[in-house]
Protein backbone atom coordinates (compact mmCIF):
# COMPACT_ATOMS: atom_id res chain seq x y z
CA MET A 1 -0.30 -23.67 15.39
CA GLU A 2 -1.08 -22.08 12.03
CA LYS A 3 -4.60 -20.93 12.84
CA LYS A 4 -3.71 -19.79 16.29
CA SER A 5 -0.82 -17.60 15.12
CA LYS A 6 -2.81 -16.06 12.31
CA GLN A 7 -5.59 -15.03 14.68
CA LYS A 8 -3.12 -13.11 16.82
CA PHE A 9 -1.72 -10.94 14.02
CA GLN A 10 -3.13 -7.45 14.39
CA ARG A 11 -4.51 -5.74 11.29
CA LYS A 12 -3.40 -2.23 12.23
CA MET A 13 -1.71 -0.90 9.09
CA GLN A 14 -3.49 1.74 7.03
CA THR A 15 -2.82 2.82 3.43
CA ARG A 16 -0.39 5.57 4.51
CA HIS A 17 1.57 3.05 6.59
CA LEU A 18 1.80 0.60 3.68
CA VAL A 19 2.91 3.31 1.25
CA MET A 20 5.62 4.60 3.57
CA LEU A 21 6.71 1.07 4.52
CA SER A 22 7.24 0.33 0.85
CA LEU A 23 8.99 3.65 0.18
CA GLY A 24 11.05 3.12 3.33
CA GLY A 25 12.36 -0.15 1.99
CA VAL A 26 13.02 1.21 -1.50
CA ILE A 27 14.54 4.65 -1.01
CA GLY A 28 17.90 4.02 0.63
CA THR A 29 21.60 3.99 -0.10
CA GLY A 30 20.93 2.58 -3.60
CA LEU A 31 19.46 5.94 -4.64
CA PHE A 32 21.41 8.31 -2.39
CA LEU A 33 24.89 6.80 -2.77
CA SER A 34 25.03 4.31 -5.68
CA SER A 35 23.11 6.16 -8.40
CA GLY A 36 26.31 7.89 -9.57
CA TYR A 37 27.82 4.52 -10.55
CA THR A 38 24.84 3.74 -12.82
CA ILE A 39 25.14 7.16 -14.50
CA GLN A 40 28.83 6.52 -15.20
CA GLN A 41 28.16 3.05 -16.61
CA ALA A 42 25.11 3.71 -18.80
CA GLY A 43 25.45 7.48 -19.36
CA PRO A 44 22.78 10.08 -18.45
CA PHE A 45 20.27 9.09 -21.14
CA GLY A 46 20.92 5.36 -20.69
CA THR A 47 20.44 5.65 -16.92
CA ILE A 48 17.07 7.35 -17.30
CA LEU A 49 16.06 4.65 -19.77
CA SER A 50 17.24 1.97 -17.31
CA TYR A 51 15.17 3.45 -14.49
CA LEU A 52 12.11 3.77 -16.71
CA ILE A 53 12.43 0.09 -17.66
CA GLY A 54 12.98 -0.72 -13.97
CA ALA A 55 9.84 1.20 -13.07
CA LEU A 56 7.91 -0.77 -15.73
CA VAL A 57 9.20 -4.06 -14.29
CA VAL A 58 8.19 -3.04 -10.76
CA TYR A 59 4.77 -1.95 -12.00
CA LEU A 60 4.14 -5.28 -13.75
CA VAL A 61 5.31 -7.29 -10.72
CA MET A 62 3.14 -5.22 -8.36
CA LEU A 63 0.10 -5.78 -10.60
CA CYS A 64 0.69 -9.51 -10.13
CA LEU A 65 1.26 -9.16 -6.39
CA GLY A 66 -1.89 -7.06 -6.04
CA GLU A 67 -4.18 -9.84 -7.25
CA LEU A 68 -2.51 -12.44 -5.03
CA SER A 69 -2.33 -10.37 -1.84
CA VAL A 70 -5.90 -9.08 -2.08
CA HIS A 71 -7.29 -12.55 -2.73
CA MET A 72 -5.05 -14.17 -0.07
CA PRO A 73 -3.87 -11.47 2.39
CA GLU A 74 -1.38 -13.18 4.66
CA THR A 75 1.91 -12.42 6.35
CA GLY A 76 4.83 -13.76 4.38
CA ALA A 77 2.79 -13.36 1.20
CA PHE A 78 4.88 -14.36 -1.81
CA HIS A 79 6.63 -17.20 0.02
CA SER A 80 3.19 -18.68 0.64
CA TYR A 81 2.08 -18.10 -2.95
CA ALA A 82 5.20 -19.73 -4.38
CA THR A 83 4.71 -22.70 -2.05
CA LYS A 84 1.10 -23.17 -3.11
CA TYR A 85 1.26 -22.49 -6.84
CA ILE A 86 4.85 -23.29 -7.91
CA GLY A 87 6.05 -25.84 -5.35
CA PRO A 88 7.06 -26.09 -1.69
CA GLY A 89 10.77 -26.24 -2.54
CA THR A 90 10.49 -22.98 -4.48
CA GLY A 91 8.53 -21.33 -1.67
CA TYR A 92 11.16 -22.41 0.86
CA THR A 93 13.98 -21.11 -1.35
CA VAL A 94 12.24 -17.79 -2.04
CA ALA A 95 11.73 -17.22 1.69
CA TRP A 96 15.39 -17.81 2.55
CA LEU A 97 16.59 -15.69 -0.37
CA TYR A 98 14.41 -12.82 0.78
CA TRP A 99 15.41 -13.28 4.42
CA LEU A 100 19.09 -13.17 3.45
CA THR A 101 18.52 -10.06 1.32
CA TRP A 102 17.30 -8.06 4.28
CA THR A 103 19.64 -9.47 6.91
CA VAL A 104 22.66 -8.63 4.74
CA ALA A 105 21.14 -5.17 4.24
CA LEU A 106 20.82 -4.80 8.02
CA GLY A 107 24.53 -5.41 8.48
CA SER A 108 25.57 -2.91 5.82
CA GLU A 109 23.04 -0.30 6.98
CA PHE A 110 24.18 -0.34 10.60
CA THR A 111 27.78 0.02 9.42
CA ALA A 112 26.87 2.87 7.07
CA ALA A 113 24.90 4.64 9.82
CA GLY A 114 27.90 4.43 12.16
CA LEU A 115 30.21 5.80 9.45
CA LEU A 116 27.86 8.73 8.78
CA MET A 117 27.92 9.69 12.46
CA GLN A 118 31.72 9.99 12.24
CA ARG A 119 31.21 13.29 10.41
CA TRP A 120 29.76 14.85 13.53
CA PHE A 121 31.39 12.72 16.24
CA PRO A 122 34.79 11.60 14.91
CA SER A 123 36.08 10.61 18.36
CA ILE A 124 33.39 7.94 18.91
CA ASN A 125 34.00 4.51 17.37
CA VAL A 126 31.78 3.39 14.48
CA TRP A 127 30.72 0.20 16.31
CA VAL A 128 29.21 2.25 19.17
CA TRP A 129 26.84 4.02 16.79
CA SER A 130 26.12 0.79 14.91
CA LEU A 131 25.13 -0.88 18.19
CA LEU A 132 22.93 2.04 19.28
CA PHE A 133 21.10 2.12 15.94
CA ALA A 134 20.67 -1.67 16.01
CA ILE A 135 19.06 -1.42 19.47
CA LEU A 136 16.77 1.40 18.26
CA VAL A 137 15.56 -0.56 15.22
CA PHE A 138 15.12 -3.71 17.33
CA VAL A 139 12.97 -1.85 19.89
CA LEU A 140 10.82 -0.30 17.16
CA ASN A 141 10.12 -3.80 15.81
CA ILE A 142 9.26 -5.59 19.08
CA LEU A 143 6.64 -3.22 20.48
CA THR A 144 3.41 -3.19 18.47
CA VAL A 145 2.75 -3.35 14.74
CA LYS A 146 1.06 0.06 14.90
CA PHE A 147 4.06 1.62 16.67
CA PHE A 148 6.41 0.12 14.09
CA ALA A 149 4.22 1.42 11.24
CA GLU A 150 4.08 4.94 12.73
CA SER A 151 7.85 5.08 13.25
CA GLU A 152 8.45 3.93 9.68
CA PHE A 153 5.94 6.49 8.39
CA TRP A 154 7.91 9.37 9.91
CA PHE A 155 11.33 7.93 9.02
CA ALA A 156 10.28 7.59 5.39
CA SER A 157 8.57 11.00 5.33
CA ILE A 158 11.90 12.78 5.98
CA LYS A 159 13.60 11.30 2.94
CA VAL A 160 10.54 11.74 0.73
CA ILE A 161 10.43 15.46 1.57
CA ALA A 162 14.19 15.70 0.96
CA ILE A 163 13.88 14.09 -2.48
CA VAL A 164 11.02 16.40 -3.50
CA LEU A 165 13.04 19.46 -2.43
CA PHE A 166 16.11 18.13 -4.27
CA ILE A 167 14.12 17.68 -7.50
CA VAL A 168 12.65 21.21 -7.20
CA VAL A 169 16.03 22.86 -6.48
CA GLY A 170 17.76 20.77 -9.17
CA ALA A 171 15.11 21.62 -11.78
CA ALA A 172 15.56 25.33 -10.95
CA ALA A 173 19.31 24.95 -11.54
CA MET A 174 18.70 23.12 -14.83
CA VAL A 175 16.67 26.02 -16.27
CA GLY A 176 19.05 28.69 -14.93
CA SER A 177 16.94 30.03 -12.06
CA LEU A 178 19.75 29.03 -9.68
CA PRO A 179 23.42 29.44 -10.71
CA MET A 180 25.81 26.46 -10.88
CA THR A 181 29.55 26.77 -10.22
CA HIS A 182 30.68 24.80 -13.31
CA PHE A 183 27.87 25.81 -15.73
CA PRO A 184 28.16 29.40 -17.09
CA SER A 185 24.58 29.18 -18.38
CA ALA A 186 21.52 27.02 -17.81
CA PRO A 187 22.61 23.41 -18.51
CA PHE A 188 19.13 22.15 -19.45
CA PHE A 189 19.81 18.72 -20.98
CA SER A 190 23.21 19.41 -22.56
CA ASN A 191 24.83 16.75 -20.36
CA PHE A 192 22.64 14.07 -21.92
CA THR A 193 24.23 14.23 -25.36
CA SER A 194 27.73 15.60 -24.57
CA ALA A 195 29.28 12.10 -24.71
CA GLY A 196 26.64 10.53 -26.97
CA LEU A 197 23.38 8.86 -25.94
CA PHE A 198 25.11 5.59 -25.00
CA PRO A 199 28.79 6.33 -24.20
CA ASN A 200 29.47 2.69 -23.26
CA GLY A 201 27.09 1.15 -25.78
CA ALA A 202 23.37 0.38 -25.56
CA PHE A 203 24.09 -3.00 -23.95
CA ALA A 204 25.24 -1.13 -20.81
CA ILE A 205 21.52 -0.64 -20.09
CA VAL A 206 21.02 -4.40 -19.82
CA MET A 207 24.15 -4.73 -17.67
CA THR A 208 22.91 -2.13 -15.19
CA MET A 209 19.34 -3.48 -15.00
CA LEU A 210 20.04 -5.71 -12.00
CA ALA A 211 21.41 -2.74 -10.06
CA VAL A 212 18.37 -0.68 -11.09
CA ASN A 213 15.95 -3.45 -10.11
CA PHE A 214 17.76 -3.80 -6.79
CA ALA A 215 17.32 -0.04 -6.28
CA PHE A 216 13.55 -0.57 -6.66
CA SER A 217 13.53 -3.55 -4.29
CA GLY A 218 11.35 -3.08 -1.24
CA THR A 219 8.17 -2.24 -3.16
CA GLU A 220 7.08 -5.85 -2.57
CA LEU A 221 6.90 -5.14 1.19
CA ILE A 222 3.25 -4.28 0.54
CA GLY A 223 2.64 -8.00 0.03
CA ILE A 224 4.62 -8.97 3.15
CA ALA A 225 2.42 -6.70 5.29
CA ALA A 226 -0.86 -7.93 3.78
CA GLY A 227 -1.61 -10.10 6.81
CA GLU A 228 -1.35 -7.12 9.16
CA THR A 229 -3.31 -4.64 7.06
CA ALA A 230 -6.79 -3.33 7.78
CA ASN A 231 -9.30 -3.86 4.91
CA PRO A 232 -6.70 -5.41 2.54
CA GLU A 233 -9.14 -5.53 -0.39
CA LYS A 234 -9.21 -1.71 -0.40
CA THR A 235 -5.91 -0.80 1.25
CA ILE A 236 -3.53 -2.91 -0.86
CA PRO A 237 -4.65 -1.80 -4.37
CA LYS A 238 -4.60 1.84 -3.24
CA ALA A 239 -1.14 1.43 -1.69
CA ILE A 240 0.22 -0.24 -4.84
CA ARG A 241 -1.08 2.54 -7.11
CA THR A 242 0.16 5.32 -4.82
CA THR A 243 3.56 3.75 -4.23
CA LEU A 244 4.24 3.11 -7.91
CA TRP A 245 3.59 6.60 -9.22
CA ARG A 246 5.55 8.12 -6.33
CA LEU A 247 8.48 5.80 -7.02
CA ILE A 248 8.51 6.71 -10.69
CA ILE A 249 8.45 10.44 -9.88
CA PHE A 250 11.08 10.17 -7.14
CA PHE A 251 13.49 7.85 -8.91
CA VAL A 252 13.19 9.10 -12.48
CA GLY A 253 12.93 12.74 -11.39
CA THR A 254 16.03 12.40 -9.22
CA ILE A 255 18.01 10.63 -11.93
CA VAL A 256 17.06 13.32 -14.50
CA VAL A 257 18.38 16.04 -12.17
CA LEU A 258 21.56 14.13 -11.30
CA SER A 259 22.23 13.24 -14.94
CA ALA A 260 21.73 16.83 -16.07
CA LEU A 261 23.92 18.44 -13.40
CA LEU A 262 26.76 15.92 -12.86
CA PRO A 263 29.65 15.42 -15.29
CA THR A 264 29.43 11.76 -16.37
CA SER A 265 33.14 11.19 -15.82
CA ASP A 266 32.88 12.21 -12.14
CA ALA A 267 29.51 10.61 -11.28
CA GLY A 268 30.84 7.17 -10.38
CA VAL A 269 33.61 8.32 -8.04
CA LEU A 270 31.63 10.73 -5.88
CA GLU A 271 30.87 9.76 -2.29
CA SER A 272 27.35 11.14 -2.73
CA PRO A 273 26.14 12.64 -6.03
CA PHE A 274 23.44 14.51 -4.10
CA VAL A 275 26.01 16.38 -1.99
CA ALA A 276 28.02 17.25 -5.12
CA VAL A 277 24.99 18.78 -6.87
CA LEU A 278 23.83 20.75 -3.82
CA GLU A 279 27.34 22.12 -3.22
CA GLN A 280 27.61 23.24 -6.86
CA ILE A 281 24.28 25.04 -6.52
CA GLY A 282 25.62 26.68 -3.36
CA VAL A 283 23.21 25.22 -0.80
CA PRO A 284 24.71 25.99 2.65
CA TYR A 285 25.56 22.99 4.83
CA ALA A 286 24.68 20.69 1.90
CA ALA A 287 26.88 17.86 3.18
CA ASP A 288 25.42 18.01 6.69
CA ILE A 289 21.85 18.15 5.38
CA MET A 290 22.36 15.14 3.12
CA ASN A 291 24.24 13.32 5.87
CA PHE A 292 21.14 13.60 8.06
CA VAL A 293 18.77 12.61 5.24
CA ILE A 294 20.88 9.58 4.28
CA LEU A 295 21.07 8.58 7.96
CA THR A 296 17.26 8.58 8.26
CA ALA A 297 17.06 6.72 4.92
CA ILE A 298 19.37 4.03 6.24
CA LEU A 299 17.49 3.66 9.53
CA SER A 300 14.18 3.57 7.65
CA ALA A 301 15.46 0.81 5.35
CA ALA A 302 16.81 -1.13 8.35
CA ASN A 303 13.47 -0.75 10.11
CA SER A 304 11.62 -2.10 7.06
CA GLY A 305 14.25 -4.80 6.56
CA LEU A 306 13.99 -6.25 10.06
CA TYR A 307 10.20 -6.29 9.70
CA ALA A 308 10.38 -8.09 6.33
CA SER A 309 12.97 -10.68 7.36
CA SER A 310 11.20 -11.55 10.62
CA ARG A 311 7.86 -12.05 8.82
CA MET A 312 9.55 -14.35 6.32
CA LEU A 313 10.88 -16.50 9.17
CA TRP A 314 7.42 -16.52 10.76
CA SER A 315 5.93 -17.66 7.46
CA LEU A 316 8.46 -20.50 7.13
CA ALA A 317 7.65 -21.66 10.68
CA ASP A 318 3.94 -21.26 10.04
CA LYS A 319 4.29 -23.65 7.08
CA ASN A 320 6.13 -26.04 9.42
CA THR A 321 9.33 -26.04 7.37
CA ILE A 322 11.54 -24.64 10.16
CA SER A 323 11.28 -24.76 13.97
CA PRO A 324 7.82 -23.68 15.19
CA ILE A 325 9.43 -21.42 17.78
CA PHE A 326 9.72 -18.76 15.06
CA ALA A 327 5.92 -18.75 14.68
CA LYS A 328 5.42 -17.76 18.33
CA LEU A 329 3.79 -14.33 18.69
CA THR A 330 3.70 -11.91 21.61
CA LYS A 331 0.40 -10.53 22.91
CA GLN A 332 1.00 -7.54 20.63
CA GLY A 333 1.15 -9.83 17.58
CA VAL A 334 4.95 -9.64 17.05
CA PRO A 335 6.96 -12.77 16.10
CA ILE A 336 9.57 -12.06 18.76
CA TYR A 337 11.93 -15.00 18.13
CA ALA A 338 11.86 -14.35 14.38
CA VAL A 339 12.81 -10.71 15.06
CA ILE A 340 15.65 -11.77 17.39
CA PHE A 341 17.04 -14.34 14.93
CA SER A 342 16.86 -11.85 12.03
CA MET A 343 18.68 -9.25 14.11
CA PHE A 344 21.29 -11.90 14.96
CA GLY A 345 21.69 -12.60 11.22
CA GLY A 346 22.16 -8.88 10.62
CA GLY A 347 24.84 -8.90 13.34
CA LEU A 348 26.69 -11.74 11.58
CA ALA A 349 26.49 -9.84 8.29
CA LEU A 350 27.88 -6.77 10.05
CA PHE A 351 30.69 -8.87 11.53
CA SER A 352 31.56 -10.42 8.16
CA SER A 353 31.64 -6.96 6.54
CA ILE A 354 34.43 -6.03 8.99
CA ILE A 355 36.35 -9.33 9.21
CA ALA A 356 36.00 -10.67 5.64
CA PRO A 357 34.76 -7.87 3.35
CA ASP A 358 36.40 -9.33 0.22
CA THR A 359 35.26 -12.94 0.70
CA VAL A 360 32.28 -13.84 2.89
CA TYR A 361 30.58 -10.45 2.79
CA ILE A 362 30.91 -9.91 -0.96
CA VAL A 363 29.29 -13.31 -1.50
CA LEU A 364 26.38 -12.38 0.81
CA VAL A 365 25.88 -9.04 -0.94
CA SER A 366 25.97 -10.72 -4.36
CA ILE A 367 23.36 -13.30 -3.36
CA SER A 368 21.08 -10.63 -1.90
CA GLY A 369 21.39 -8.52 -5.06
CA LEU A 370 20.22 -11.40 -7.21
CA ALA A 371 17.64 -12.61 -4.68
CA VAL A 372 15.19 -9.75 -5.08
CA VAL A 373 14.88 -10.29 -8.83
CA VAL A 374 14.37 -14.04 -8.26
CA VAL A 375 11.62 -13.20 -5.74
CA TRP A 376 9.94 -10.94 -8.31
CA MET A 377 10.07 -13.78 -10.84
CA SER A 378 8.37 -16.06 -8.30
CA ILE A 379 5.59 -13.47 -7.79
CA SER A 380 4.96 -13.28 -11.56
CA ALA A 381 4.95 -17.08 -11.93
CA SER A 382 2.68 -17.50 -8.88
CA GLN A 383 0.09 -15.09 -10.26
CA PHE A 384 0.17 -16.78 -13.68
CA LEU A 385 -0.39 -20.23 -12.12
CA PHE A 386 -2.93 -18.96 -9.56
CA ARG A 387 -5.18 -17.43 -12.23
CA ARG A 388 -4.96 -20.56 -14.36
CA GLN A 389 -5.91 -22.78 -11.40
CA TYR A 390 -8.63 -20.34 -10.27
CA ILE A 391 -10.35 -20.59 -13.67
CA LYS A 392 -9.80 -24.35 -13.91
CA GLU A 393 -11.67 -24.78 -10.60
CA GLY A 394 -14.73 -23.16 -12.17
CA ASN A 395 -14.39 -19.68 -10.66
CA SER A 396 -15.09 -16.48 -12.53
CA VAL A 397 -12.36 -13.86 -12.91
CA LYS A 398 -15.06 -11.23 -12.29
CA ASP A 399 -15.27 -12.46 -8.68
CA LEU A 400 -11.71 -11.33 -7.97
CA VAL A 401 -11.76 -8.06 -6.04
CA TYR A 402 -8.49 -6.97 -7.66
CA ARG A 403 -7.50 -8.36 -11.05
CA THR A 404 -4.12 -8.23 -12.78
CA PRO A 405 -4.92 -6.60 -16.15
CA PHE A 406 -3.95 -8.03 -19.55
CA TYR A 407 -3.49 -11.56 -18.25
CA PRO A 408 -1.39 -13.55 -19.19
CA LEU A 409 0.71 -10.81 -20.86
CA VAL A 410 1.59 -8.99 -17.60
CA PRO A 411 2.99 -11.96 -15.61
CA ILE A 412 4.85 -13.32 -18.67
CA ALA A 413 6.37 -9.91 -19.52
CA SER A 414 7.44 -9.23 -15.92
CA PHE A 415 9.02 -12.69 -15.63
CA ILE A 416 10.97 -12.30 -18.90
CA LEU A 417 12.20 -8.78 -18.05
CA CYS A 418 13.47 -9.98 -14.67
CA LEU A 419 15.17 -12.94 -16.34
CA VAL A 420 16.87 -10.62 -18.86
CA SER A 421 18.34 -8.52 -16.02
CA CYS A 422 19.78 -11.70 -14.48
CA ILE A 423 21.33 -12.73 -17.79
CA GLY A 424 22.72 -9.22 -18.30
CA ILE A 425 24.96 -9.39 -15.24
CA ALA A 426 26.84 -12.34 -16.76
CA PHE A 427 28.43 -9.79 -19.11
CA ASP A 428 29.49 -7.39 -16.32
CA PRO A 429 32.68 -8.55 -14.54
CA THR A 430 31.86 -6.50 -11.43
CA GLN A 431 28.40 -8.07 -11.00
CA ARG A 432 29.11 -11.57 -12.32
CA ILE A 433 29.85 -12.88 -8.83
CA ALA A 434 26.09 -12.60 -8.12
CA LEU A 435 25.53 -15.55 -10.45
CA TYR A 436 28.53 -17.49 -9.16
CA SER A 437 27.29 -17.12 -5.57
CA GLY A 438 23.54 -16.91 -6.07
CA ILE A 439 22.94 -20.02 -8.18
CA PRO A 440 24.78 -22.39 -5.76
CA PHE A 441 22.89 -20.84 -2.83
CA ILE A 442 19.56 -21.43 -4.59
CA LEU A 443 20.53 -25.05 -5.29
CA PHE A 444 21.60 -25.44 -1.64
CA CYS A 445 18.18 -24.17 -0.46
CA TYR A 446 16.35 -26.64 -2.69
CA ALA A 447 18.57 -29.49 -1.53
CA SER A 448 18.15 -28.62 2.16
CA TYR A 449 14.36 -28.45 1.77
CA TYR A 450 14.06 -31.89 0.20
CA LEU A 451 16.54 -33.32 2.70
CA THR A 452 14.48 -32.06 5.65
CA GLN A 453 11.31 -33.39 4.02
CA ARG A 454 12.93 -36.81 3.69
CA LEU A 455 13.93 -36.70 7.37
CA LYS A 456 10.40 -35.63 8.24
CA LYS A 457 8.93 -38.68 6.53
CA ARG A 458 11.29 -40.87 8.51
CA GLY A 459 10.15 -39.22 11.75
CA VAL A 460 13.44 -37.45 12.45
CA GLY A 461 13.64 -34.01 14.09
CA TYR A 462 11.23 -31.38 15.29
CA VAL A 463 8.91 -31.37 12.27
CA GLN A 464 7.34 -34.72 12.98
CA GLN A 465 6.81 -33.83 16.61
CA ASN A 466 5.11 -30.52 15.91
CA GLN A 467 2.76 -31.30 13.07
CA PRO A 468 -0.16 -28.82 13.25
CA TYR A 469 -2.48 -31.04 11.27
């Protein structure tokens, strides 16, 4: 089963597809809607510092992922690496954490997309739009990998162009080239020190790091797509380099503009800080423009999310830890049942967000927020253990096509920084639920893995009957 399914995956993605797939997963509601909350919590200067640290963490993790995915380019990537170099229980847990991250995101993104359409079509129910967008994203994912990659390229391009224009217009307002309604003169960086560098204390940076890391989540999609990428030894390193410097420019540049032009006291209560800034500059139809951009951002993230979650399910089935039906591919190389099940999971998340937003859904969101950072920690640990084993087996590091620099400093530093962001949320009452929900879920995944393995040894269930070896 394993060899057969791998042969059918089509290596159709180019560098531009990988870059936009990664950006598509990263640039979403976290930047467009939630960035104001971070500014209010950490202050303008503290927020920029948080995002710079977040960018450093992402860079270190991607350096680790680059070595692994170039040496072993396969679909499902870091789940496979964790299984091989840390342990099968960890690999299993990482896969389910990552799957849950994106399926929960699917539910919230379809809801958000429906709500955005209410601005233009208030008489049509939100669920109608949510259903239509869910069908669109599902269709884009079940055709061919190349068609999916092209659609994601253009989805992501819209929001990238919008962010670049926002940074240019915002920078012009900062230096006084464009007038602002509540600034009599050019604001420059006066907002940064008006309430002190750290209005809520320097520790607020640590407390917001999980939210910042979550905002950067999606960059690791490059590793997920490694098994469907043409010339991975050249494409992946180039995509990692290109994605990282673009992310730093987009995120840090955007946060600098927002921090400089938004009053800190108002930043956290605004529906969209982008709309507020553009309206103060006097951009006509600012709300409608940003409504369209945010809509494409949401659909782009949903598109990337369904791709990522379905490939994680395929990888679990390929490793024979869940039903082999999820490893079945169409003639076009699409894991159709994995896509369907992931979409079904997104539907359940959407349902729980309506029926039980303060109980079930908040738990799912909390777990998914923590999950990405745990996945990054697994990537760092996998690279550290891979390199050690690679050398122990008598291989030369010079033979690696792509090498993580400054080993073992890079994997150790990235692991510790991710761990610090997890510890930091214990001191934030609004984020603490991530630990209360996430840790039991991780323990549940480990327990379920070892339970199924025990049943497997006793010859119970599908696993024994479908052994590929």
